[in-house]
């Protein structure tokens, strides 16, 4: 086995996976997996730059992760950066900081590369399953972008579009520097229209409606699953490969869109860093399910991190 470390730095969170990878058996044995909300993409949609405080939050998490990688003795490390750092004018400052702390240069990957990693991470362990029909549509709803990938054993088509929980929240739900509590019907309608336009773009490349199984990744989707199950706290084991019906997603989305900050913060399975952005993330998921006709979403805790890990094996 090869001991690998993968870091996925997105718009809202930075995550680490340390695992032993066995390419002979197709097994990825997880040793450490963690996530920190750093909101790297704070204001990027508006300013085009990474904010100094967002960079410092991200670098603080990198210092913590550097210690964990060292403790586990990982032989290989790969750091992948996604939407926010692709868009930012001052991304060189971000690259230098990560290189100084972790000793590797962050790879600012394209949306297509992001989609490939996400598909591999989400579907590799499903290869032997006879319970799920193919082709799969893997949807990775991030902070700044959403990746759509259709494939069987391999990717057939992929597209990244600029809708995510942070970008949609900042673009449509923020007034006078604060998230509207709760948003107006007009704000929700504008956000929905923005999402639908993005789905039109995705559908130009990816045959969304041909998929037989919808697999959903990342924090917005896993949090919706946690809420659907009324979990007393976030529980990865119960969330991984859970299934949530479209009607249940619609019910949860409606509740989140019409709740106050305090009401969302009181949900025990909801990470504090997602309180202001989960409503937008849930609406993206619901819009995808309605567009594709998916009756349910299969929720996966294995995603781009696992894909990055496999790329090192």
Protein backbone atom coordinates (compact mmCIF):
# COMPACT_ATOMS: atom_id res chain seq x y z
CA UNK A 1 0.00 0.00 0.00
CA UNK A 2 0.96 3.62 -0.52
CA UNK A 3 0.20 6.13 2.23
CA UNK A 4 -1.19 9.26 0.60
CA UNK A 5 -2.50 12.63 1.74
CA UNK A 6 -5.01 14.63 -0.27
CA UNK A 7 -6.14 18.19 0.35
CA UNK A 8 -9.16 19.72 -1.34
CA UNK A 9 -9.40 23.47 -0.91
CA UNK A 10 -12.74 24.81 -2.11
CA UNK A 11 -14.71 28.02 -1.83
CA UNK A 12 -16.22 27.26 1.56
CA UNK A 13 -14.10 24.55 3.17
CA UNK A 14 -10.69 22.92 3.14
CA UNK A 15 -10.53 19.15 3.70
CA UNK A 16 -7.84 16.57 4.35
CA UNK A 17 -7.74 12.83 3.73
CA UNK A 18 -4.86 10.59 4.82
CA UNK A 19 -5.26 7.01 3.60
CA UNK A 20 -3.49 3.84 2.58
CA UNK A 21 -4.21 3.12 -1.08
CA UNK A 22 -3.96 -0.37 -2.56
CA UNK A 23 -4.22 -0.19 -6.36
CA UNK A 24 -4.23 -3.99 -6.55
CA UNK A 25 -7.51 -4.38 -4.65
CA UNK A 26 -9.04 -0.96 -5.32
CA UNK A 27 -9.16 -0.32 -1.58
CA UNK A 28 -8.63 3.05 0.09
CA UNK A 29 -8.19 2.61 3.86
CA UNK A 30 -8.99 5.89 5.58
CA UNK A 31 -6.68 6.95 8.42
CA UNK A 32 -7.79 10.54 8.94
CA UNK A 33 -10.45 12.69 7.29
CA UNK A 34 -11.35 16.17 8.43
CA UNK A 35 -12.91 19.40 7.28
CA UNK A 36 -12.50 23.04 8.28
CA UNK A 37 -14.78 25.87 7.17
CA UNK A 38 -12.47 28.69 6.02
CA UNK A 39 -14.72 30.52 3.51
CA UNK A 40 -11.78 31.16 1.16
CA UNK A 41 -14.21 32.46 -1.45
CA UNK A 42 -15.48 35.26 0.80
CA UNK A 43 -16.35 38.15 -1.53
CA UNK A 44 -14.55 36.71 -4.58
CA UNK A 45 -17.68 36.88 -6.75
CA UNK A 46 -17.90 40.62 -6.01
CA UNK A 47 -14.25 41.73 -5.75
CA UNK A 48 -12.36 39.18 -7.85
CA UNK A 49 -9.80 38.84 -5.04
CA UNK A 50 -9.14 36.56 -2.07
CA UNK A 51 -9.68 38.55 1.14
CA UNK A 52 -6.70 38.78 3.55
CA UNK A 53 -8.72 37.33 6.44
CA UNK A 54 -9.92 34.44 4.23
CA UNK A 55 -6.32 33.66 3.28
CA UNK A 56 -5.23 33.66 6.92
CA UNK A 57 -8.06 31.30 7.93
CA UNK A 58 -7.00 28.96 5.12
CA UNK A 59 -3.30 29.12 6.02
CA UNK A 60 -4.13 28.37 9.69
CA UNK A 61 -5.93 25.20 8.58
CA UNK A 62 -2.97 24.29 6.35
CA UNK A 63 -0.62 24.53 9.34
CA UNK A 64 -2.83 22.13 11.28
CA UNK A 65 -3.01 19.74 8.32
CA UNK A 66 0.78 19.84 7.86
CA UNK A 67 1.20 18.44 11.38
CA UNK A 68 -1.30 15.64 10.72
CA UNK A 69 0.38 14.65 7.44
CA UNK A 70 3.74 14.56 9.22
CA UNK A 71 2.37 12.45 12.11
CA UNK A 72 0.98 9.84 9.72
CA UNK A 73 4.12 9.76 7.61
CA UNK A 74 2.33 10.15 4.26
CA UNK A 75 4.63 9.36 1.34
CA UNK A 76 2.82 11.54 -1.18
CA UNK A 77 0.79 14.73 -0.83
CA UNK A 78 -1.38 16.45 -3.39
CA UNK A 79 -3.13 19.78 -2.80
CA UNK A 80 -5.95 20.64 -5.18
CA UNK A 81 -7.60 24.05 -5.22
CA UNK A 82 -10.90 24.67 -6.91
CA UNK A 83 -13.36 27.41 -7.73
CA UNK A 84 -12.40 30.38 -5.54
CA UNK A 85 -8.69 30.21 -6.33
CA UNK A 86 -9.40 29.80 -10.06
CA UNK A 87 -11.33 33.07 -10.05
CA UNK A 88 -9.08 35.24 -7.89
CA UNK A 89 -6.68 37.89 -9.23
CA UNK A 90 -4.30 37.40 -6.28
CA UNK A 91 -4.14 33.60 -6.45
CA UNK A 92 -0.31 33.81 -6.51
CA UNK A 93 -0.40 34.93 -2.88
CA UNK A 94 -2.44 31.85 -2.04
CA UNK A 95 -0.04 29.56 -3.95
CA UNK A 96 3.02 30.95 -2.15
CA UNK A 97 1.41 30.55 1.28
CA UNK A 98 0.46 26.93 0.72
CA UNK A 99 3.89 26.09 -0.70
CA UNK A 100 5.61 27.60 2.37
CA UNK A 101 3.43 25.65 4.82
CA UNK A 102 2.93 22.25 3.16
CA UNK A 103 5.90 22.07 0.80
CA UNK A 104 3.74 21.43 -2.26
CA UNK A 105 2.30 23.83 -4.77
CA UNK A 106 -1.49 23.86 -4.92
CA UNK A 107 -2.83 22.74 -8.27
CA UNK A 108 -5.52 25.12 -9.40
CA UNK A 109 -7.43 22.57 -11.43
CA UNK A 110 -10.03 23.12 -14.11
CA UNK A 111 -13.67 22.31 -13.60
CA UNK A 112 -13.28 19.28 -15.87
CA UNK A 113 -10.42 17.91 -13.76
CA UNK A 114 -12.47 18.54 -10.63
CA UNK A 115 -15.33 16.58 -12.17
CA UNK A 116 -13.05 13.63 -13.01
CA UNK A 117 -11.73 13.41 -9.44
CA UNK A 118 -15.24 13.68 -8.00
CA UNK A 119 -16.56 10.91 -10.23
CA UNK A 120 -13.70 8.55 -9.37
CA UNK A 121 -14.03 9.20 -5.65
CA UNK A 122 -17.80 8.75 -5.62
CA UNK A 123 -18.18 5.72 -7.87
CA UNK A 124 -15.07 3.55 -7.41
CA UNK A 125 -16.63 1.63 -4.52
CA UNK A 126 -19.98 1.37 -6.36
CA UNK A 127 -18.42 -0.60 -9.22
CA UNK A 128 -19.53 -3.96 -7.82
CA UNK A 129 -22.98 -2.83 -6.75
CA UNK A 130 -25.97 -4.38 -8.46
CA UNK A 131 -28.40 -2.17 -6.55
CA UNK A 132 -27.72 0.99 -8.52
CA UNK A 133 -28.53 1.43 -12.20
CA UNK A 134 -26.07 3.03 -14.58
CA UNK A 135 -25.15 5.45 -15.95
CA UNK A 136 -24.51 7.57 -12.86
CA UNK A 137 -24.92 11.31 -12.70
CA UNK A 138 -22.46 12.53 -10.07
CA UNK A 139 -23.21 16.04 -8.82
CA UNK A 140 -20.69 17.84 -6.61
CA UNK A 141 -22.31 20.98 -5.16
CA UNK A 142 -19.49 23.16 -3.87
CA UNK A 143 -19.27 26.69 -2.53
CA UNK A 144 -18.51 28.42 -5.82
CA UNK A 145 -19.27 25.85 -8.51
CA UNK A 146 -21.14 22.64 -9.19
CA UNK A 147 -19.71 19.77 -11.21
CA UNK A 148 -21.88 17.44 -13.29
CA UNK A 149 -20.46 14.14 -14.49
CA UNK A 150 -22.21 11.32 -16.33
CA UNK A 151 -20.50 7.97 -16.72
CA UNK A 152 -20.51 4.22 -16.15
CA UNK A 153 -17.06 2.92 -15.20
CA UNK A 154 -15.51 6.02 -16.74
CA UNK A 155 -16.52 9.61 -17.37
CA UNK A 156 -18.57 10.11 -20.52
CA UNK A 157 -19.29 13.84 -20.16
CA UNK A 158 -18.56 16.52 -17.58
CA UNK A 159 -19.24 20.19 -17.02
CA UNK A 160 -18.57 22.68 -14.25
CA UNK A 161 -20.87 25.68 -13.82
CA UNK A 162 -20.58 28.67 -11.51
CA UNK A 163 -23.36 27.96 -9.05
CA UNK A 164 -22.59 26.93 -5.50
CA UNK A 165 -23.95 27.57 -2.03
CA UNK A 166 -21.62 30.48 -1.21
CA UNK A 167 -21.77 32.13 -4.64
CA UNK A 168 -25.59 31.92 -4.76
CA UNK A 169 -25.92 33.22 -1.19
CA UNK A 170 -23.62 36.18 -1.76
CA UNK A 171 -25.14 36.99 -5.14
CA UNK A 172 -28.81 36.78 -4.19
CA UNK A 173 -29.41 36.57 -0.45
CA UNK A 174 -27.09 39.25 0.99
CA UNK A 175 -28.40 42.78 1.62
CA UNK A 176 -26.34 45.49 3.35
CA UNK A 177 -23.60 43.01 4.17
CA UNK A 178 -25.81 40.43 5.88
CA UNK A 179 -27.82 37.41 4.77
CA UNK A 180 -31.52 38.30 4.57
CA UNK A 181 -33.33 36.60 7.41
CA UNK A 182 -35.36 35.01 5.83
CA UNK A 183 -35.04 35.94 2.11
CA UNK A 184 -37.92 37.43 0.15
CA UNK A 185 -39.85 35.58 -2.54
CA UNK A 186 -38.17 37.83 -5.13
CA UNK A 187 -34.68 36.90 -3.90
CA UNK A 188 -35.51 33.20 -3.99
CA UNK A 189 -36.98 33.51 -7.49
CA UNK A 190 -33.87 35.31 -8.77
CA UNK A 191 -31.61 32.66 -7.28
CA UNK A 192 -33.73 29.88 -8.78
CA UNK A 193 -33.56 31.56 -12.22
CA UNK A 194 -29.76 31.78 -11.93
CA UNK A 195 -29.55 28.08 -11.08
CA UNK A 196 -31.82 27.14 -13.99
CA UNK A 197 -29.60 29.07 -16.41
CA UNK A 198 -26.59 27.17 -15.09
CA UNK A 199 -28.43 23.87 -15.58
CA UNK A 200 -29.12 24.90 -19.18
CA UNK A 201 -25.36 25.37 -19.63
CA UNK A 202 -24.56 22.03 -18.03
CA UNK A 203 -27.09 20.28 -20.23
CA UNK A 204 -25.36 21.58 -23.38
CA UNK A 205 -22.48 19.21 -22.53
CA UNK A 206 -23.80 16.59 -20.13
CA UNK A 207 -26.88 14.44 -20.86
CA UNK A 208 -28.36 15.00 -17.42
CA UNK A 209 -31.63 13.21 -18.10
CA UNK A 210 -29.99 10.00 -19.38
CA UNK A 211 -28.62 9.05 -15.97
CA UNK A 212 -30.36 6.29 -14.01
CA UNK A 213 -28.81 7.04 -10.60
CA UNK A 214 -28.12 10.47 -9.10
CA UNK A 215 -25.15 10.52 -6.71
CA UNK A 216 -24.77 13.70 -4.65
CA UNK A 217 -21.53 14.92 -3.07
CA UNK A 218 -20.23 17.62 -0.73
CA UNK A 219 -21.50 19.47 2.31
CA UNK A 220 -24.81 20.80 1.04
CA UNK A 221 -25.96 17.31 0.01
CA UNK A 222 -24.64 15.48 3.08
CA UNK A 223 -26.21 18.11 5.35
CA UNK A 224 -29.60 17.69 3.65
CA UNK A 225 -29.29 13.95 4.32
CA UNK A 226 -28.48 14.59 7.98
CA UNK A 227 -31.55 16.84 8.29
CA UNK A 228 -33.72 14.30 6.45
CA UNK A 229 -32.71 11.63 8.97
CA UNK A 230 -33.20 13.97 11.96
CA UNK A 231 -29.73 13.06 13.18
CA UNK A 232 -28.87 14.39 16.65
CA UNK A 233 -25.39 15.20 15.30
CA UNK A 234 -23.55 14.87 12.02
CA UNK A 235 -22.82 11.16 11.51
CA UNK A 236 -20.79 10.25 8.41
CA UNK A 237 -21.49 6.53 8.73
CA UNK A 238 -25.26 7.07 8.62
CA UNK A 239 -25.04 9.66 5.86
CA UNK A 240 -22.78 7.69 3.50
CA UNK A 241 -24.92 5.92 0.87
CA UNK A 242 -28.15 7.14 2.44
CA UNK A 243 -30.99 7.96 0.05
CA UNK A 244 -33.19 11.04 0.17
CA UNK A 245 -36.36 11.35 -1.90
CA UNK A 246 -37.10 14.37 -4.06
CA UNK A 247 -40.20 15.17 -1.98
CA UNK A 248 -38.11 15.17 1.20
CA UNK A 249 -35.47 17.41 -0.41
CA UNK A 250 -38.24 19.81 -1.50
CA UNK A 251 -39.69 19.89 2.03
CA UNK A 252 -36.28 20.57 3.62
CA UNK A 253 -35.35 23.22 1.04
CA UNK A 254 -38.62 25.07 1.59
CA UNK A 255 -38.10 24.99 5.35
CA UNK A 256 -34.51 26.27 5.09
CA UNK A 257 -35.41 29.06 2.67
CA UNK A 258 -38.13 30.35 4.98
CA UNK A 259 -36.27 30.00 8.28
CA UNK A 260 -34.28 32.53 10.27
CA UNK A 261 -30.58 32.30 11.07
CA UNK A 262 -31.44 31.25 14.64
CA UNK A 263 -33.78 28.50 13.45
CA UNK A 264 -31.16 27.07 11.09
CA UNK A 265 -28.43 27.34 13.74
CA UNK A 266 -30.61 25.23 16.06
CA UNK A 267 -30.47 22.24 13.69
CA UNK A 268 -28.12 19.86 15.58
CA UNK A 269 -26.52 18.25 12.50
CA UNK A 270 -25.80 21.57 10.74
CA UNK A 271 -22.20 22.79 10.91
CA UNK A 272 -22.06 26.43 12.10
CA UNK A 273 -20.11 27.35 8.97
CA UNK A 274 -23.01 26.23 6.77
CA UNK A 275 -25.85 28.01 8.57
CA UNK A 276 -25.97 30.95 6.15
CA UNK A 277 -25.34 28.99 2.93
CA UNK A 278 -27.25 25.72 3.34
CA UNK A 279 -30.54 27.08 1.96
CA UNK A 280 -28.89 27.99 -1.33
CA UNK A 281 -27.10 24.64 -1.48
CA UNK A 282 -30.35 22.76 -0.88
CA UNK A 283 -32.07 24.75 -3.64
CA UNK A 284 -29.31 23.79 -6.08
CA UNK A 285 -29.85 20.12 -5.21
CA UNK A 286 -33.63 20.39 -5.55
CA UNK A 287 -33.34 22.16 -8.90
CA UNK A 288 -31.09 19.37 -10.21
CA UNK A 289 -33.50 16.67 -9.06
CA UNK A 290 -36.45 18.42 -10.68
CA UNK A 291 -34.54 19.01 -13.93
CA UNK A 292 -33.37 15.39 -14.21
CA UNK A 293 -36.51 13.76 -12.85
CA UNK A 294 -34.48 11.91 -10.20
CA UNK A 295 -36.82 10.40 -7.60
CA UNK A 296 -34.01 10.19 -5.04
CA UNK A 297 -30.38 11.13 -4.49
CA UNK A 298 -27.78 8.63 -3.27
CA UNK A 299 -25.57 10.55 -0.87
CA UNK A 300 -21.83 9.88 -0.83
CA UNK A 301 -19.24 10.96 1.71
CA UNK A 302 -16.57 9.83 -0.75
CA UNK A 303 -15.85 12.49 -3.29
CA UNK A 304 -13.09 14.59 -4.82
CA UNK A 305 -10.79 13.89 -1.83
CA UNK A 306 -10.92 10.16 -2.51
CA UNK A 307 -10.37 10.83 -6.22
CA UNK A 308 -7.27 12.88 -5.44
CA UNK A 309 -6.06 10.09 -3.16
CA UNK A 310 -6.46 7.52 -5.95
CA UNK A 311 -4.53 9.76 -8.34
CA UNK A 312 -1.53 9.44 -5.99
CA UNK A 313 -1.75 5.65 -5.82
